[in-house]
Amino acid sequence: PGARLEDVAAAAPGPAEAVAALDPAARASLERELRYAGYVARQQELVARDRAREEAPLAPDLDYRALDGLPLEAREKLARLRPATVGQAARIPGVDPTAVAVLLLHTRRALARPRGGE
């Protein structure tokens, strides 16, 4: 934020001439890209993280009734509908954000647990 194209061009040898030769519309476009590059990168990271959460698998034999922290309604619906991923579970009416957080915590713990025989 606050960086100008001239500042960047001046910091590296060579690009100053290229920047000076740009037409005003191209120059404005490059300045916008430069100014917002950090914000765009952060948003892309958030999207990737949300996508990973959405696609986090749930074990087909998961005993939802044994998960502490799940509201009763969510336990019953999850046990009956057996979603394959956290994203599918989140779209079930009655499964609130707290229940989704419990499912995510469970999947992280299950992935971190050492597997027998390996």
PDB file of N, CA and C in Angstrom:
ATOM      1  N   PRO A   1       0.835  -1.196   0.000  1.00  0.00           N
ATOM      2  CA  PRO A   1       0.000   0.000   0.000  1.00  0.00           C
ATOM      3  C   PRO A   1       0.873   1.251   0.000  1.00  0.00           C
ATOM      4  N   GLY A   2       0.500   2.185  -0.779  1.00  0.00           N
ATOM      5  CA  GLY A   2       1.230   3.439  -0.824  1.00  0.00           C
ATOM      6  C   GLY A   2       2.403   3.428  -1.778  1.00  0.00           C
ATOM      7  N   ALA A   3       2.766   2.273  -2.291  1.00  0.00           N
ATOM      8  CA  ALA A   3       3.900   2.195  -3.218  1.00  0.00           C
ATOM      9  C   ALA A   3       3.465   2.738  -4.572  1.00  0.00           C
ATOM     10  N   ARG A   4       4.409   3.401  -5.221  1.00  0.00           N
ATOM     11  CA  ARG A   4       4.145   3.909  -6.561  1.00  0.00           C
ATOM     12  C   ARG A   4       5.029   3.176  -7.543  1.00  0.00           C
ATOM     13  N   LEU A   5       4.584   3.111  -8.753  1.00  0.00           N
ATOM     14  CA  LEU A   5       5.323   2.410  -9.792  1.00  0.00           C
ATOM     15  C   LEU A   5       6.713   3.006  -9.980  1.00  0.00           C
ATOM     16  N   GLU A   6       6.816   4.315  -9.898  1.00  0.00           N
ATOM     17  CA  GLU A   6       8.117   4.981 -10.036  1.00  0.00           C
ATOM     18  C   GLU A   6       9.080   4.550  -8.932  1.00  0.00           C
ATOM     19  N   ASP A   7       8.553   4.368  -7.706  1.00  0.00           N
ATOM     20  CA  ASP A   7       9.404   3.945  -6.590  1.00  0.00           C
ATOM     21  C   ASP A   7       9.986   2.558  -6.844  1.00  0.00           C
ATOM     22  N   VAL A   8       9.154   1.664  -7.333  1.00  0.00           N
ATOM     23  CA  VAL A   8       9.606   0.300  -7.619  1.00  0.00           C
ATOM     24  C   VAL A   8      10.598   0.319  -8.772  1.00  0.00           C
ATOM     25  N   ALA A   9      10.285   1.067  -9.812  1.00  0.00           N
ATOM     26  CA  ALA A   9      11.174   1.134 -10.977  1.00  0.00           C
ATOM     27  C   ALA A   9      12.519   1.734 -10.605  1.00  0.00           C
ATOM     28  N   ALA A  10      12.520   2.731  -9.723  1.00  0.00           N
ATOM     29  CA  ALA A  10      13.771   3.369  -9.321  1.00  0.00           C
ATOM     30  C   ALA A  10      14.645   2.440  -8.491  1.00  0.00           C
ATOM     31  N   ALA A  11      14.038   1.472  -7.827  1.00  0.00           N
ATOM     32  CA  ALA A  11      14.782   0.559  -6.961  1.00  0.00           C
ATOM     33  C   ALA A  11      15.561  -0.480  -7.755  1.00  0.00           C
ATOM     34  N   ALA A  12      15.185  -0.718  -8.989  1.00  0.00           N
ATOM     35  CA  ALA A  12      15.860  -1.733  -9.800  1.00  0.00           C
ATOM     36  C   ALA A  12      16.359  -1.087 -11.085  1.00  0.00           C
ATOM     37  N   PRO A  13      17.575  -1.423 -11.494  1.00  0.00           N
ATOM     38  CA  PRO A  13      18.090  -0.835 -12.736  1.00  0.00           C
ATOM     39  C   PRO A  13      17.340  -1.372 -13.950  1.00  0.00           C
ATOM     40  N   GLY A  14      17.066  -0.506 -14.912  1.00  0.00           N
ATOM     41  CA  GLY A  14      16.442  -0.938 -16.158  1.00  0.00           C
ATOM     42  C   GLY A  14      14.962  -0.636 -16.281  1.00  0.00           C
ATOM     43  N   PRO A  15      14.108  -0.997 -15.293  1.00  0.00           N
ATOM     44  CA  PRO A  15      12.666  -0.816 -15.475  1.00  0.00           C
ATOM     45  C   PRO A  15      12.217   0.641 -15.549  1.00  0.00           C
ATOM     46  N   ALA A  16      13.018   1.578 -15.103  1.00  0.00           N
ATOM     47  CA  ALA A  16      12.590   2.979 -15.111  1.00  0.00           C
ATOM     48  C   ALA A  16      12.236   3.435 -16.519  1.00  0.00           C
ATOM     49  N   GLU A  17      13.021   3.037 -17.508  1.00  0.00           N
ATOM     50  CA  GLU A  17      12.735   3.423 -18.879  1.00  0.00           C
ATOM     51  C   GLU A  17      11.434   2.776 -19.365  1.00  0.00           C
ATOM     52  N   ALA A  18      11.229   1.533 -19.005  1.00  0.00           N
ATOM     53  CA  ALA A  18      10.011   0.829 -19.415  1.00  0.00           C
ATOM     54  C   ALA A  18       8.780   1.463 -18.786  1.00  0.00           C
ATOM     55  N   VAL A  19       8.886   1.852 -17.530  1.00  0.00           N
ATOM     56  CA  VAL A  19       7.773   2.500 -16.846  1.00  0.00           C
ATOM     57  C   VAL A  19       7.476   3.847 -17.485  1.00  0.00           C
ATOM     58  N   ALA A  20       8.499   4.594 -17.803  1.00  0.00           N
ATOM     59  CA  ALA A  20       8.311   5.909 -18.415  1.00  0.00           C
ATOM     60  C   ALA A  20       7.637   5.793 -19.780  1.00  0.00           C
ATOM     61  N   ALA A  21       7.830   4.677 -20.473  1.00  0.00           N
ATOM     62  CA  ALA A  21       7.269   4.503 -21.808  1.00  0.00           C
ATOM     63  C   ALA A  21       5.815   4.025 -21.798  1.00  0.00           C
ATOM     64  N   LEU A  22       5.295   3.677 -20.633  1.00  0.00           N
ATOM     65  CA  LEU A  22       3.927   3.159 -20.564  1.00  0.00           C
ATOM     66  C   LEU A  22       2.901   4.260 -20.813  1.00  0.00           C
ATOM     67  N   ASP A  23       1.793   3.874 -21.443  1.00  0.00           N
ATOM     68  CA  ASP A  23       0.712   4.844 -21.597  1.00  0.00           C
ATOM     69  C   ASP A  23       0.010   4.983 -20.236  1.00  0.00           C
ATOM     70  N   PRO A  24      -0.709   6.058 -20.013  1.00  0.00           N
ATOM     71  CA  PRO A  24      -1.308   6.323 -18.690  1.00  0.00           C
ATOM     72  C   PRO A  24      -2.243   5.222 -18.194  1.00  0.00           C
ATOM     73  N   ALA A  25      -3.014   4.614 -19.062  1.00  0.00           N
ATOM     74  CA  ALA A  25      -3.939   3.560 -18.631  1.00  0.00           C
ATOM     75  C   ALA A  25      -3.171   2.334 -18.141  1.00  0.00           C
ATOM     76  N   ALA A  26      -2.133   1.937 -18.868  1.00  0.00           N
ATOM     77  CA  ALA A  26      -1.319   0.785 -18.467  1.00  0.00           C
ATOM     78  C   ALA A  26      -0.587   1.090 -17.167  1.00  0.00           C
ATOM     79  N   ARG A  27      -0.115   2.298 -17.033  1.00  0.00           N
ATOM     80  CA  ARG A  27       0.592   2.719 -15.825  1.00  0.00           C
ATOM     81  C   ARG A  27      -0.354   2.655 -14.614  1.00  0.00           C
ATOM     82  N   ALA A  28      -1.572   3.156 -14.771  1.00  0.00           N
ATOM     83  CA  ALA A  28      -2.555   3.128 -13.678  1.00  0.00           C
ATOM     84  C   ALA A  28      -2.902   1.693 -13.298  1.00  0.00           C
ATOM     85  N   SER A  29      -3.033   0.833 -14.301  1.00  0.00           N
ATOM     86  CA  SER A  29      -3.329  -0.576 -14.047  1.00  0.00           C
ATOM     87  C   SER A  29      -2.203  -1.247 -13.267  1.00  0.00           C
ATOM     88  N   LEU A  30      -0.974  -1.011 -13.678  1.00  0.00           N
ATOM     89  CA  LEU A  30       0.169  -1.591 -12.967  1.00  0.00           C
ATOM     90  C   LEU A  30       0.270  -1.062 -11.536  1.00  0.00           C
ATOM     91  N   GLU A  31      -0.017   0.222 -11.348  1.00  0.00           N
ATOM     92  CA  GLU A  31       0.021   0.783  -9.994  1.00  0.00           C
ATOM     93  C   GLU A  31      -1.033   0.144  -9.106  1.00  0.00           C
ATOM     94  N   ARG A  32      -2.237  -0.104  -9.654  1.00  0.00           N
ATOM     95  CA  ARG A  32      -3.282  -0.776  -8.870  1.00  0.00           C
ATOM     96  C   ARG A  32      -2.836  -2.185  -8.483  1.00  0.00           C
ATOM     97  N   GLU A  33      -2.289  -2.907  -9.460  1.00  0.00           N
ATOM     98  CA  GLU A  33      -1.818  -4.265  -9.168  1.00  0.00           C
ATOM     99  C   GLU A  33      -0.746  -4.254  -8.090  1.00  0.00           C
ATOM    100  N   LEU A  34       0.175  -3.326  -8.190  1.00  0.00           N
ATOM    101  CA  LEU A  34       1.239  -3.205  -7.198  1.00  0.00           C
ATOM    102  C   LEU A  34       0.665  -2.867  -5.829  1.00  0.00           C
ATOM    103  N   ARG A  35      -0.246  -1.921  -5.795  1.00  0.00           N
ATOM    104  CA  ARG A  35      -0.819  -1.456  -4.535  1.00  0.00           C
ATOM    105  C   ARG A  35      -1.587  -2.565  -3.824  1.00  0.00           C
ATOM    106  N   TYR A  36      -2.318  -3.372  -4.576  1.00  0.00           N
ATOM    107  CA  TYR A  36      -3.198  -4.375  -3.960  1.00  0.00           C
ATOM    108  C   TYR A  36      -2.649  -5.798  -3.988  1.00  0.00           C
ATOM    109  N   ALA A  37      -1.442  -6.003  -4.445  1.00  0.00           N
ATOM    110  CA  ALA A  37      -0.875  -7.351  -4.561  1.00  0.00           C
ATOM    111  C   ALA A  37      -0.865  -8.080  -3.225  1.00  0.00           C
ATOM    112  N   GLY A  38      -0.509  -7.402  -2.162  1.00  0.00           N
ATOM    113  CA  GLY A  38      -0.488  -8.039  -0.841  1.00  0.00           C
ATOM    114  C   GLY A  38      -1.868  -8.463  -0.386  1.00  0.00           C
ATOM    115  N   TYR A  39      -2.856  -7.614  -0.627  1.00  0.00           N
ATOM    116  CA  TYR A  39      -4.228  -7.940  -0.249  1.00  0.00           C
ATOM    117  C   TYR A  39      -4.757  -9.121  -1.051  1.00  0.00           C
ATOM    118  N   VAL A  40      -4.462  -9.129  -2.343  1.00  0.00           N
ATOM    119  CA  VAL A  40      -4.915 -10.212  -3.210  1.00  0.00           C
ATOM    120  C   VAL A  40      -4.279 -11.533  -2.776  1.00  0.00           C
ATOM    121  N   ALA A  41      -3.006 -11.509  -2.468  1.00  0.00           N
ATOM    122  CA  ALA A  41      -2.318 -12.725  -2.021  1.00  0.00           C
ATOM    123  C   ALA A  41      -2.936 -13.257  -0.726  1.00  0.00           C
ATOM    124  N   ARG A  42      -3.252 -12.352   0.189  1.00  0.00           N
ATOM    125  CA  ARG A  42      -3.872 -12.765   1.463  1.00  0.00           C
ATOM    126  C   ARG A  42      -5.242 -13.389   1.212  1.00  0.00           C
ATOM    127  N   GLN A  43      -6.034 -12.798   0.333  1.00  0.00           N
ATOM    128  CA  GLN A  43      -7.349 -13.347   0.026  1.00  0.00           C
ATOM    129  C   GLN A  43      -7.228 -14.729  -0.642  1.00  0.00           C
ATOM    130  N   GLN A  44      -6.233 -14.893  -1.495  1.00  0.00           N
ATOM    131  CA  GLN A  44      -6.026 -16.197  -2.137  1.00  0.00           C
ATOM    132  C   GLN A  44      -5.660 -17.256  -1.104  1.00  0.00           C
ATOM    133  N   GLU A  45      -4.865 -16.874  -0.104  1.00  0.00           N
ATOM    134  CA  GLU A  45      -4.529 -17.802   0.979  1.00  0.00           C
ATOM    135  C   GLU A  45      -5.776 -18.194   1.758  1.00  0.00           C
ATOM    136  N   LEU A  46      -6.635 -17.228   2.048  1.00  0.00           N
ATOM    137  CA  LEU A  46      -7.871 -17.514   2.783  1.00  0.00           C
ATOM    138  C   LEU A  46      -8.793 -18.434   1.987  1.00  0.00           C
ATOM    139  N   VAL A  47      -8.890 -18.210   0.697  1.00  0.00           N
ATOM    140  CA  VAL A  47      -9.725 -19.062  -0.154  1.00  0.00           C
ATOM    141  C   VAL A  47      -9.184 -20.490  -0.155  1.00  0.00           C
ATOM    142  N   ALA A  48      -7.878 -20.638  -0.269  1.00  0.00           N
ATOM    143  CA  ALA A  48      -7.267 -21.977  -0.269  1.00  0.00           C
ATOM    144  C   ALA A  48      -7.509 -22.682   1.060  1.00  0.00           C
ATOM    145  N   ARG A  49      -7.387 -21.940   2.150  1.00  0.00           N
ATOM    146  CA  ARG A  49      -7.619 -22.533   3.475  1.00  0.00           C
ATOM    147  C   ARG A  49      -9.076 -22.942   3.638  1.00  0.00           C
ATOM    148  N   ASP A  50      -9.999 -22.093   3.173  1.00  0.00           N
ATOM    149  CA  ASP A  50     -11.418 -22.439   3.257  1.00  0.00           C
ATOM    150  C   ASP A  50     -11.753 -23.644   2.391  1.00  0.00           C
ATOM    151  N   ARG A  51     -11.126 -23.723   1.223  1.00  0.00           N
ATOM    152  CA  ARG A  51     -11.364 -24.864   0.339  1.00  0.00           C
ATOM    153  C   ARG A  51     -10.872 -26.159   1.003  1.00  0.00           C
ATOM    154  N   ALA A  52      -9.730 -26.087   1.661  1.00  0.00           N
ATOM    155  CA  ALA A  52      -9.205 -27.275   2.346  1.00  0.00           C
ATOM    156  C   ALA A  52     -10.145 -27.698   3.471  1.00  0.00           C
ATOM    157  N   ARG A  53     -10.678 -26.726   4.190  1.00  0.00           N
ATOM    158  CA  ARG A  53     -11.645 -27.049   5.251  1.00  0.00           C
ATOM    159  C   ARG A  53     -12.898 -27.680   4.650  1.00  0.00           C
ATOM    160  N   GLU A  54     -13.371 -27.110   3.573  1.00  0.00           N
ATOM    161  CA  GLU A  54     -14.584 -27.594   2.911  1.00  0.00           C
ATOM    162  C   GLU A  54     -14.413 -29.049   2.474  1.00  0.00           C
ATOM    163  N   GLU A  55     -13.225 -29.398   1.998  1.00  0.00           N
ATOM    164  CA  GLU A  55     -12.970 -30.725   1.456  1.00  0.00           C
ATOM    165  C   GLU A  55     -12.445 -31.718   2.490  1.00  0.00           C
ATOM    166  N   ALA A  56     -12.300 -31.289   3.754  1.00  0.00           N
ATOM    167  CA  ALA A  56     -11.784 -32.190   4.797  1.00  0.00           C
ATOM    168  C   ALA A  56     -12.706 -33.405   4.916  1.00  0.00           C
ATOM    169  N   PRO A  57     -12.148 -34.607   4.765  1.00  0.00           N
ATOM    170  CA  PRO A  57     -12.988 -35.805   4.778  1.00  0.00           C
ATOM    171  C   PRO A  57     -13.429 -36.188   6.192  1.00  0.00           C
ATOM    172  N   LEU A  58     -14.611 -36.764   6.259  1.00  0.00           N
ATOM    173  CA  LEU A  58     -15.123 -37.334   7.508  1.00  0.00           C
ATOM    174  C   LEU A  58     -15.150 -38.847   7.345  1.00  0.00           C
ATOM    175  N   ALA A  59     -14.665 -39.552   8.355  1.00  0.00           N
ATOM    176  CA  ALA A  59     -14.621 -41.016   8.290  1.00  0.00           C
ATOM    177  C   ALA A  59     -16.036 -41.565   8.129  1.00  0.00           C
ATOM    178  N   PRO A  60     -16.215 -42.533   7.240  1.00  0.00           N
ATOM    179  CA  PRO A  60     -17.559 -43.090   7.030  1.00  0.00           C
ATOM    180  C   PRO A  60     -18.130 -43.753   8.276  1.00  0.00           C
ATOM    181  N   ASP A  61     -17.249 -44.220   9.166  1.00  0.00           N
ATOM    182  CA  ASP A  61     -17.717 -44.901  10.374  1.00  0.00           C
ATOM    183  C   ASP A  61     -17.650 -44.001  11.615  1.00  0.00           C
ATOM    184  N   LEU A  62     -17.540 -42.685  11.407  1.00  0.00           N
ATOM    185  CA  LEU A  62     -17.432 -41.745  12.523  1.00  0.00           C
ATOM    186  C   LEU A  62     -18.677 -41.812  13.404  1.00  0.00           C
ATOM    187  N   ASP A  63     -18.455 -41.964  14.715  1.00  0.00           N
ATOM    188  CA  ASP A  63     -19.559 -42.008  15.682  1.00  0.00           C
ATOM    189  C   ASP A  63     -19.826 -40.583  16.162  1.00  0.00           C
ATOM    190  N   TYR A  64     -20.758 -39.919  15.522  1.00  0.00           N
ATOM    191  CA  TYR A  64     -21.061 -38.525  15.852  1.00  0.00           C
ATOM    192  C   TYR A  64     -21.591 -38.381  17.277  1.00  0.00           C
ATOM    193  N   ARG A  65     -22.240 -39.404  17.778  1.00  0.00           N
ATOM    194  CA  ARG A  65     -22.793 -39.338  19.139  1.00  0.00           C
ATOM    195  C   ARG A  65     -21.687 -39.319  20.194  1.00  0.00           C
ATOM    196  N   ALA A  66     -20.483 -39.746  19.816  1.00  0.00           N
ATOM    197  CA  ALA A  66     -19.372 -39.793  20.762  1.00  0.00           C
ATOM    198  C   ALA A  66     -18.528 -38.512  20.733  1.00  0.00           C
ATOM    199  N   LEU A  67     -18.807 -37.599  19.813  1.00  0.00           N
ATOM    200  CA  LEU A  67     -18.023 -36.357  19.720  1.00  0.00           C
ATOM    201  C   LEU A  67     -18.522 -35.335  20.732  1.00  0.00           C
ATOM    202  N   ASP A  68     -17.661 -34.988  21.663  1.00  0.00           N
ATOM    203  CA  ASP A  68     -18.019 -33.960  22.637  1.00  0.00           C
ATOM    204  C   ASP A  68     -18.155 -32.614  21.941  1.00  0.00           C
ATOM    205  N   GLY A  69     -19.111 -31.841  22.361  1.00  0.00           N
ATOM    206  CA  GLY A  69     -19.283 -30.489  21.838  1.00  0.00           C
ATOM    207  C   GLY A  69     -20.291 -30.355  20.719  1.00  0.00           C
ATOM    208  N   LEU A  70     -20.759 -31.476  20.172  1.00  0.00           N
ATOM    209  CA  LEU A  70     -21.770 -31.396  19.119  1.00  0.00           C
ATOM    210  C   LEU A  70     -23.151 -31.244  19.746  1.00  0.00           C
ATOM    211  N   PRO A  71     -23.922 -30.263  19.308  1.00  0.00           N
ATOM    212  CA  PRO A  71     -25.297 -30.153  19.799  1.00  0.00           C
ATOM    213  C   PRO A  71     -26.104 -31.399  19.416  1.00  0.00           C
ATOM    214  N   LEU A  72     -27.107 -31.718  20.200  1.00  0.00           N
ATOM    215  CA  LEU A  72     -27.905 -32.930  19.996  1.00  0.00           C
ATOM    216  C   LEU A  72     -28.500 -32.988  18.588  1.00  0.00           C
ATOM    217  N   GLU A  73     -29.073 -31.888  18.122  1.00  0.00           N
ATOM    218  CA  GLU A  73     -29.681 -31.881  16.789  1.00  0.00           C
ATOM    219  C   GLU A  73     -28.640 -32.203  15.712  1.00  0.00           C
ATOM    220  N   ALA A  74     -27.455 -31.627  15.841  1.00  0.00           N
ATOM    221  CA  ALA A  74     -26.392 -31.883  14.863  1.00  0.00           C
ATOM    222  C   ALA A  74     -25.958 -33.343  14.918  1.00  0.00           C
ATOM    223  N   ARG A  75     -25.808 -33.892  16.112  1.00  0.00           N
ATOM    224  CA  ARG A  75     -25.423 -35.306  16.239  1.00  0.00           C
ATOM    225  C   ARG A  75     -26.396 -36.210  15.502  1.00  0.00           C
ATOM    226  N   GLU A  76     -27.686 -35.953  15.745  1.00  0.00           N
ATOM    227  CA  GLU A  76     -28.713 -36.806  15.135  1.00  0.00           C
ATOM    228  C   GLU A  76     -28.704 -36.695  13.612  1.00  0.00           C
ATOM    229  N   LYS A  77     -28.631 -35.472  13.105  1.00  0.00           N
ATOM    230  CA  LYS A  77     -28.658 -35.291  11.648  1.00  0.00           C
ATOM    231  C   LYS A  77     -27.396 -35.835  10.989  1.00  0.00           C
ATOM    232  N   LEU A  78     -26.246 -35.605  11.601  1.00  0.00           N
ATOM    233  CA  LEU A  78     -24.997 -36.113  11.035  1.00  0.00           C
ATOM    234  C   LEU A  78     -24.977 -37.641  11.034  1.00  0.00           C
ATOM    235  N   ALA A  79     -25.460 -38.245  12.117  1.00  0.00           N
ATOM    236  CA  ALA A  79     -25.493 -39.706  12.209  1.00  0.00           C
ATOM    237  C   ALA A  79     -26.443 -40.287  11.161  1.00  0.00           C
ATOM    238  N   ARG A  80     -27.531 -39.590  10.884  1.00  0.00           N
ATOM    239  CA  ARG A  80     -28.506 -40.089   9.925  1.00  0.00           C
ATOM    240  C   ARG A  80     -28.057 -39.865   8.472  1.00  0.00           C
ATOM    241  N   LEU A  81     -27.472 -38.696   8.187  1.00  0.00           N
ATOM    242  CA  LEU A  81     -27.133 -38.340   6.805  1.00  0.00           C
ATOM    243  C   LEU A  81     -25.724 -38.756   6.377  1.00  0.00           C
ATOM    244  N   ARG A  82     -24.805 -38.937   7.329  1.00  0.00           N
ATOM    245  CA  ARG A  82     -23.443 -39.415   7.076  1.00  0.00           C
ATOM    246  C   ARG A  82     -22.725 -38.635   5.970  1.00  0.00           C
ATOM    247  N   PRO A  83     -22.492 -37.343   6.145  1.00  0.00           N
ATOM    248  CA  PRO A  83     -21.788 -36.567   5.111  1.00  0.00           C
ATOM    249  C   PRO A  83     -20.358 -37.076   4.925  1.00  0.00           C
ATOM    250  N   ALA A  84     -19.851 -36.947   3.708  1.00  0.00           N
ATOM    251  CA  ALA A  84     -18.497 -37.418   3.392  1.00  0.00           C
ATOM    252  C   ALA A  84     -17.431 -36.381   3.729  1.00  0.00           C
ATOM    253  N   THR A  85     -17.808 -35.095   3.730  1.00  0.00           N
ATOM    254  CA  THR A  85     -16.838 -34.026   4.001  1.00  0.00           C
ATOM    255  C   THR A  85     -17.421 -33.025   4.997  1.00  0.00           C
ATOM    256  N   VAL A  86     -16.547 -32.204   5.549  1.00  0.00           N
ATOM    257  CA  VAL A  86     -16.979 -31.151   6.463  1.00  0.00           C
ATOM    258  C   VAL A  86     -17.875 -30.161   5.719  1.00  0.00           C
ATOM    259  N   GLY A  87     -17.572 -29.886   4.454  1.00  0.00           N
ATOM    260  CA  GLY A  87     -18.393 -28.981   3.667  1.00  0.00           C
ATOM    261  C   GLY A  87     -19.822 -29.481   3.513  1.00  0.00           C
ATOM    262  N   GLN A  88     -19.979 -30.768   3.261  1.00  0.00           N
ATOM    263  CA  GLN A  88     -21.322 -31.340   3.163  1.00  0.00           C
ATOM    264  C   GLN A  88     -22.037 -31.227   4.503  1.00  0.00           C
ATOM    265  N   ALA A  89     -21.322 -31.494   5.582  1.00  0.00           N
ATOM    266  CA  ALA A  89     -21.915 -31.399   6.915  1.00  0.00           C
ATOM    267  C   ALA A  89     -22.373 -29.976   7.209  1.00  0.00           C
ATOM    268  N   ALA A  90     -21.594 -29.001   6.796  1.00  0.00           N
ATOM    269  CA  ALA A  90     -21.915 -27.604   7.077  1.00  0.00           C
ATOM    270  C   ALA A  90     -23.194 -27.154   6.379  1.00  0.00           C
ATOM    271  N   ARG A  91     -23.549 -27.807   5.288  1.00  0.00           N
ATOM    272  CA  ARG A  91     -24.749 -27.420   4.550  1.00  0.00           C
ATOM    273  C   ARG A  91     -26.016 -28.110   5.047  1.00  0.00           C
ATOM    274  N   ILE A  92     -25.892 -28.951   6.055  1.00  0.00           N
ATOM    275  CA  ILE A  92     -27.063 -29.631   6.613  1.00  0.00           C
ATOM    276  C   ILE A  92     -27.768 -28.672   7.572  1.00  0.00           C
ATOM    277  N   PRO A  93     -29.053 -28.420   7.352  1.00  0.00           N
ATOM    278  CA  PRO A  93     -29.787 -27.563   8.300  1.00  0.00           C
ATOM    279  C   PRO A  93     -29.725 -28.159   9.704  1.00  0.00           C
ATOM    280  N   GLY A  94     -29.408 -27.320  10.662  1.00  0.00           N
ATOM    281  CA  GLY A  94     -29.285 -27.787  12.045  1.00  0.00           C
ATOM    282  C   GLY A  94     -27.847 -28.019  12.469  1.00  0.00           C
ATOM    283  N   VAL A  95     -26.931 -28.009  11.515  1.00  0.00           N
ATOM    284  CA  VAL A  95     -25.502 -28.121  11.835  1.00  0.00           C
ATOM    285  C   VAL A  95     -24.947 -26.702  11.816  1.00  0.00           C
ATOM    286  N   ASP A  96     -24.751 -26.167  13.008  1.00  0.00           N
ATOM    287  CA  ASP A  96     -24.336 -24.766  13.139  1.00  0.00           C
ATOM    288  C   ASP A  96     -22.808 -24.629  13.077  1.00  0.00           C
ATOM    289  N   PRO A  97     -22.304 -23.389  13.036  1.00  0.00           N
ATOM    290  CA  PRO A  97     -20.855 -23.187  12.955  1.00  0.00           C
ATOM    291  C   PRO A  97     -20.070 -23.832  14.108  1.00  0.00           C
ATOM    292  N   THR A  98     -20.673 -23.914  15.273  1.00  0.00           N
ATOM    293  CA  THR A  98     -19.997 -24.579  16.393  1.00  0.00           C
ATOM    294  C   THR A  98     -19.790 -26.058  16.085  1.00  0.00           C
ATOM    295  N   ALA A  99     -20.801 -26.694  15.535  1.00  0.00           N
ATOM    296  CA  ALA A  99     -20.692 -28.110  15.184  1.00  0.00           C
ATOM    297  C   ALA A  99     -19.636 -28.308  14.095  1.00  0.00           C
ATOM    298  N   VAL A 100     -19.586 -27.402  13.130  1.00  0.00           N
ATOM    299  CA  VAL A 100     -18.572 -27.490  12.067  1.00  0.00           C
ATOM    300  C   VAL A 100     -17.177 -27.368  12.675  1.00  0.00           C
ATOM    301  N   ALA A 101     -17.020 -26.466  13.640  1.00  0.00           N
ATOM    302  CA  ALA A 101     -15.719 -26.310  14.309  1.00  0.00           C
ATOM    303  C   ALA A 101     -15.332 -27.592  15.037  1.00  0.00           C
ATOM    304  N   VAL A 102     -16.284 -28.245  15.673  1.00  0.00           N
ATOM    305  CA  VAL A 102     -16.010 -29.522  16.352  1.00  0.00           C
ATOM    306  C   VAL A 102     -15.571 -30.570  15.332  1.00  0.00           C
ATOM    307  N   LEU A 103     -16.239 -30.619  14.185  1.00  0.00           N
ATOM    308  CA  LEU A 103     -15.865 -31.585  13.147  1.00  0.00           C
ATOM    309  C   LEU A 103     -14.462 -31.311  12.608  1.00  0.00           C
ATOM    310  N   LEU A 104     -14.147 -30.037  12.394  1.00  0.00           N
ATOM    311  CA  LEU A 104     -12.805 -29.688  11.921  1.00  0.00           C
ATOM    312  C   LEU A 104     -11.743 -30.079  12.941  1.00  0.00           C
ATOM    313  N   LEU A 105     -12.012 -29.816  14.206  1.00  0.00           N
ATOM    314  CA  LEU A 105     -11.079 -30.190  15.264  1.00  0.00           C
ATOM    315  C   LEU A 105     -10.879 -31.702  15.278  1.00  0.00           C
ATOM    316  N   HIS A 106     -11.966 -32.430  15.150  1.00  0.00           N
ATOM    317  CA  HIS A 106     -11.865 -33.892  15.134  1.00  0.00           C
ATOM    318  C   HIS A 106     -11.033 -34.374  13.944  1.00  0.00           C
ATOM    319  N   THR A 107     -11.258 -33.787  12.756  1.00  0.00           N
ATOM    320  CA  THR A 107     -10.501 -34.241  11.584  1.00  0.00           C
ATOM    321  C   THR A 107      -9.016 -33.929  11.739  1.00  0.00           C
ATOM    322  N   ARG A 108      -8.689 -32.782  12.324  1.00  0.00           N
ATOM    323  CA  ARG A 108      -7.268 -32.449  12.544  1.00  0.00           C
ATOM    324  C   ARG A 108      -6.630 -33.432  13.516  1.00  0.00           C
ATOM    325  N   ARG A 109      -7.348 -33.737  14.568  1.00  0.00           N
ATOM    326  CA  ARG A 109      -6.810 -34.689  15.557  1.00  0.00           C
ATOM    327  C   ARG A 109      -6.652 -36.069  14.943  1.00  0.00           C
ATOM    328  N   ALA A 110      -7.615 -36.478  14.135  1.00  0.00           N
ATOM    329  CA  ALA A 110      -7.547 -37.802  13.506  1.00  0.00           C
ATOM    330  C   ALA A 110      -6.357 -37.881  12.547  1.00  0.00           C
ATOM    331  N   LEU A 111      -6.095 -36.790  11.831  1.00  0.00           N
ATOM    332  CA  LEU A 111      -4.952 -36.784  10.906  1.00  0.00           C
ATOM    333  C   LEU A 111      -3.620 -36.764  11.652  1.00  0.00           C
ATOM    334  N   ALA A 112      -3.594 -36.134  12.825  1.00  0.00           N
ATOM    335  CA  ALA A 112      -2.355 -36.015  13.594  1.00  0.00           C
ATOM    336  C   ALA A 112      -2.044 -37.301  14.365  1.00  0.00           C
ATOM    337  N   ARG A 113      -3.048 -38.132  14.590  1.00  0.00           N
ATOM    338  CA  ARG A 113      -2.869 -39.365  15.345  1.00  0.00           C
ATOM    339  C   ARG A 113      -1.991 -40.341  14.569  1.00  0.00           C
ATOM    340  N   PRO A 114      -0.971 -40.915  15.242  1.00  0.00           N
ATOM    341  CA  PRO A 114      -0.159 -41.926  14.536  1.00  0.00           C
ATOM    342  C   PRO A 114      -1.006 -43.161  14.259  1.00  0.00           C
ATOM    343  N   ARG A 115      -0.783 -43.732  13.091  1.00  0.00           N
ATOM    344  CA  ARG A 115      -1.538 -44.931  12.697  1.00  0.00           C
ATOM    345  C   ARG A 115      -0.790 -46.174  13.115  1.00  0.00           C
ATOM    346  N   GLY A 116      -1.509 -47.143  13.558  1.00  0.00           N
ATOM    347  CA  GLY A 116      -0.888 -48.394  13.968  1.00  0.00           C
ATOM    348  C   GLY A 116      -0.293 -49.147  12.805  1.00  0.00           C
ATOM    349  N   GLY A 117       0.859 -49.772  13.030  1.00  0.00           N
ATOM    350  CA  GLY A 117       1.474 -50.610  12.007  1.00  0.00           C
ATOM    351  C   GLY A 117       2.322 -49.875  10.993  1.00  0.00           C
ATOM    352  N   GLU A 118       2.464 -48.562  11.128  1.00  0.00           N
ATOM    353  CA  GLU A 118       3.283 -47.824  10.152  1.00  0.00           C
ATOM    354  C   GLU A 118       4.569 -47.386  10.770  1.00  0.00           C
TER     355      GLU A 118
END
